Structures are given as C-alpha cells and as structure tokens.
Amino acid sequence: MVTHGELLLTRGEEVVRDRSNSYLHVPAGVKHRVENPGDEVACLIEVQVGSSVAEDDIQRFEDVYGRV
C-alpha cells in the first residue's frame, strides 16, 4: 500500500504509477521493481504472505545501487 507520495511499479513487463492510498499487488514469482519517480518522499507498507516470508528469498537480477 502506498501511504504517502507516488511510486512507480514495474511488474513483469507492466509499468504502473500509483499515488497515496492505493494498493499494489505483485503475484509470487513475478520480477518487480519499485521506484520513486519524483522529488517528494514516498512511503509504502509491504505485506508478504505465504509459508515463508524471510528476506533471504530475494533474488537480485539487476542492482543499480551497488548492493552486494
């Protein structure tokens, strides 16, 4: 859920722009990326569901931020 500002969600091949008070859904197994397209601070609440919701299941396909 976008709680403040505006976010750009790339979900597979689809690109969606959402503002405050909107919900974004990413089905399991779909490549996705969330970006802040503007200068305003943006916030979101992420909810994961399933038998495992650990951070160690993240697969980075591309990282423009230089994280290891």
N, C-alpha and C. Protein backbone atom coordinates (compact mmCIF):
# COMPACT_ATOMS: atom_id res chain seq x y z
N MET A 1 0.85 -1.18 0.00
CA MET A 1 0.00 0.00 0.00
C MET A 1 0.89 1.23 0.00
N VAL A 2 0.59 2.15 -0.88
CA VAL A 2 1.30 3.42 -0.93
C VAL A 2 0.65 4.32 0.13
N THR A 3 1.43 4.73 1.12
CA THR A 3 0.87 5.55 2.20
C THR A 3 1.13 7.04 2.01
N HIS A 4 2.15 7.37 1.20
CA HIS A 4 2.49 8.78 1.00
C HIS A 4 3.27 8.91 -0.29
N GLY A 5 2.98 9.91 -1.06
CA GLY A 5 3.75 10.18 -2.28
C GLY A 5 3.27 9.36 -3.47
N GLU A 6 4.21 9.11 -4.36
CA GLU A 6 3.91 8.43 -5.62
C GLU A 6 5.00 7.40 -5.89
N LEU A 7 4.61 6.21 -6.35
CA LEU A 7 5.56 5.16 -6.67
C LEU A 7 5.33 4.65 -8.08
N LEU A 8 6.40 4.18 -8.68
CA LEU A 8 6.36 3.57 -10.00
C LEU A 8 6.69 2.10 -9.80
N LEU A 9 5.77 1.22 -10.16
CA LEU A 9 5.95 -0.22 -10.01
C LEU A 9 6.12 -0.86 -11.38
N THR A 10 7.25 -1.52 -11.57
CA THR A 10 7.43 -2.36 -12.75
C THR A 10 7.16 -3.78 -12.29
N ARG A 11 6.14 -4.39 -12.90
CA ARG A 11 5.68 -5.73 -12.52
C ARG A 11 5.67 -6.56 -13.79
N GLY A 12 6.71 -7.39 -13.95
CA GLY A 12 6.87 -8.10 -15.21
C GLY A 12 7.17 -7.07 -16.30
N GLU A 13 6.36 -7.03 -17.34
CA GLU A 13 6.51 -6.06 -18.43
C GLU A 13 5.63 -4.83 -18.25
N GLU A 14 4.77 -4.84 -17.23
CA GLU A 14 3.81 -3.76 -16.99
C GLU A 14 4.41 -2.70 -16.07
N VAL A 15 4.15 -1.43 -16.36
CA VAL A 15 4.59 -0.33 -15.51
C VAL A 15 3.35 0.41 -15.02
N VAL A 16 3.24 0.56 -13.69
CA VAL A 16 2.08 1.17 -13.06
C VAL A 16 2.54 2.32 -12.18
N ARG A 17 1.88 3.46 -12.27
CA ARG A 17 2.16 4.62 -11.41
C ARG A 17 1.02 4.73 -10.42
N ASP A 18 1.35 4.72 -9.12
CA ASP A 18 0.32 4.79 -8.08
C ASP A 18 0.64 5.88 -7.08
N ARG A 19 -0.43 6.48 -6.55
CA ARG A 19 -0.31 7.55 -5.56
C ARG A 19 -0.80 7.06 -4.21
N SER A 20 -0.77 7.94 -3.23
CA SER A 20 -1.20 7.62 -1.86
C SER A 20 -2.54 6.92 -1.84
N ASN A 21 -2.68 6.01 -0.87
CA ASN A 21 -3.91 5.26 -0.62
C ASN A 21 -4.26 4.28 -1.73
N SER A 22 -3.28 3.81 -2.47
CA SER A 22 -3.55 2.78 -3.47
C SER A 22 -2.79 1.51 -3.11
N TYR A 23 -3.28 0.41 -3.61
CA TYR A 23 -2.68 -0.89 -3.32
C TYR A 23 -1.99 -1.43 -4.57
N LEU A 24 -0.81 -1.98 -4.38
CA LEU A 24 -0.07 -2.59 -5.46
C LEU A 24 0.01 -4.09 -5.16
N HIS A 25 -0.23 -4.92 -6.17
CA HIS A 25 -0.15 -6.37 -5.95
C HIS A 25 0.89 -6.96 -6.89
N VAL A 26 1.77 -7.77 -6.34
CA VAL A 26 2.77 -8.47 -7.14
C VAL A 26 2.61 -9.97 -6.85
N PRO A 27 2.15 -10.74 -7.83
CA PRO A 27 1.99 -12.18 -7.61
C PRO A 27 3.34 -12.85 -7.34
N ALA A 28 3.32 -13.93 -6.61
CA ALA A 28 4.54 -14.67 -6.30
C ALA A 28 5.27 -15.06 -7.58
N GLY A 29 6.59 -14.89 -7.56
CA GLY A 29 7.42 -15.30 -8.69
C GLY A 29 7.56 -14.30 -9.81
N VAL A 30 6.87 -13.14 -9.71
CA VAL A 30 6.93 -12.13 -10.77
C VAL A 30 8.06 -11.14 -10.46
N LYS A 31 8.96 -10.90 -11.43
CA LYS A 31 10.00 -9.90 -11.24
C LYS A 31 9.35 -8.54 -11.07
N HIS A 32 9.87 -7.76 -10.13
CA HIS A 32 9.28 -6.44 -9.89
C HIS A 32 10.32 -5.48 -9.35
N ARG A 33 9.99 -4.21 -9.47
CA ARG A 33 10.85 -3.13 -9.01
C ARG A 33 9.96 -1.96 -8.61
N VAL A 34 10.27 -1.31 -7.50
CA VAL A 34 9.52 -0.15 -7.04
C VAL A 34 10.47 1.05 -7.03
N GLU A 35 10.01 2.15 -7.62
CA GLU A 35 10.83 3.37 -7.70
C GLU A 35 10.02 4.58 -7.26
N ASN A 36 10.72 5.59 -6.79
CA ASN A 36 10.10 6.88 -6.52
C ASN A 36 10.43 7.77 -7.71
N PRO A 37 9.43 8.11 -8.55
CA PRO A 37 9.70 8.88 -9.76
C PRO A 37 9.87 10.39 -9.54
N GLY A 38 9.62 10.85 -8.33
CA GLY A 38 9.65 12.31 -8.11
C GLY A 38 10.60 12.73 -7.02
N ASP A 39 10.46 13.98 -6.61
CA ASP A 39 11.30 14.56 -5.57
C ASP A 39 10.67 14.43 -4.18
N GLU A 40 9.36 14.18 -4.13
CA GLU A 40 8.65 14.06 -2.86
C GLU A 40 8.97 12.70 -2.22
N VAL A 41 9.06 12.69 -0.89
CA VAL A 41 9.26 11.43 -0.17
C VAL A 41 8.06 10.53 -0.41
N ALA A 42 8.33 9.26 -0.67
CA ALA A 42 7.26 8.27 -0.87
C ALA A 42 7.43 7.16 0.15
N CYS A 43 6.32 6.65 0.65
CA CYS A 43 6.35 5.57 1.65
C CYS A 43 5.37 4.48 1.24
N LEU A 44 5.72 3.24 1.60
CA LEU A 44 4.81 2.14 1.33
C LEU A 44 4.87 1.15 2.47
N ILE A 45 3.81 0.37 2.60
CA ILE A 45 3.76 -0.74 3.55
C ILE A 45 3.76 -2.01 2.72
N GLU A 46 4.74 -2.88 2.97
CA GLU A 46 4.84 -4.14 2.24
C GLU A 46 4.32 -5.26 3.12
N VAL A 47 3.44 -6.09 2.57
CA VAL A 47 2.91 -7.26 3.28
C VAL A 47 3.22 -8.48 2.44
N GLN A 48 3.92 -9.43 3.04
CA GLN A 48 4.23 -10.69 2.35
C GLN A 48 3.35 -11.78 2.94
N VAL A 49 2.89 -12.68 2.10
CA VAL A 49 2.09 -13.80 2.56
C VAL A 49 2.68 -15.09 2.02
N GLY A 50 2.45 -16.18 2.72
CA GLY A 50 2.94 -17.47 2.28
C GLY A 50 3.56 -18.23 3.42
N SER A 51 4.07 -19.42 3.12
CA SER A 51 4.65 -20.27 4.15
C SER A 51 6.00 -19.74 4.62
N SER A 52 6.70 -18.96 3.79
CA SER A 52 7.97 -18.36 4.17
C SER A 52 7.98 -16.90 3.73
N VAL A 53 8.24 -16.01 4.65
CA VAL A 53 8.30 -14.59 4.32
C VAL A 53 9.65 -14.00 4.74
N ALA A 54 10.70 -14.80 4.66
CA ALA A 54 12.04 -14.38 5.05
C ALA A 54 12.68 -13.52 3.97
N GLU A 55 13.57 -12.64 4.38
CA GLU A 55 14.29 -11.77 3.44
C GLU A 55 15.30 -12.54 2.60
N ASP A 56 15.67 -13.75 3.01
CA ASP A 56 16.70 -14.50 2.29
C ASP A 56 16.20 -15.12 1.00
N ASP A 57 14.94 -14.90 0.65
CA ASP A 57 14.43 -15.44 -0.63
C ASP A 57 14.51 -14.41 -1.77
N ILE A 58 15.14 -13.26 -1.52
CA ILE A 58 15.26 -12.21 -2.54
C ILE A 58 16.30 -12.61 -3.57
N GLN A 59 15.95 -12.48 -4.85
CA GLN A 59 16.89 -12.70 -5.94
C GLN A 59 17.06 -11.37 -6.66
N ARG A 60 18.27 -10.83 -6.67
CA ARG A 60 18.52 -9.58 -7.37
C ARG A 60 18.99 -9.89 -8.78
N PHE A 61 18.24 -9.43 -9.77
CA PHE A 61 18.58 -9.66 -11.17
C PHE A 61 19.43 -8.52 -11.72
N GLU A 62 19.24 -7.34 -11.15
CA GLU A 62 19.99 -6.15 -11.53
C GLU A 62 19.98 -5.22 -10.34
N ASP A 63 21.10 -4.61 -10.02
CA ASP A 63 21.15 -3.71 -8.87
C ASP A 63 21.96 -2.48 -9.26
N VAL A 64 21.26 -1.40 -9.55
CA VAL A 64 21.92 -0.15 -9.94
C VAL A 64 22.45 0.63 -8.73
N TYR A 65 22.21 0.11 -7.52
CA TYR A 65 22.63 0.80 -6.30
C TYR A 65 23.93 0.24 -5.71
N GLY A 66 24.52 -0.78 -6.33
CA GLY A 66 25.80 -1.31 -5.89
C GLY A 66 25.74 -2.16 -4.63
N ARG A 67 24.56 -2.69 -4.27
CA ARG A 67 24.49 -3.55 -3.10
C ARG A 67 25.11 -4.91 -3.41
N VAL A 68 25.63 -5.55 -2.37
CA VAL A 68 26.27 -6.86 -2.54
C VAL A 68 25.22 -7.94 -2.44
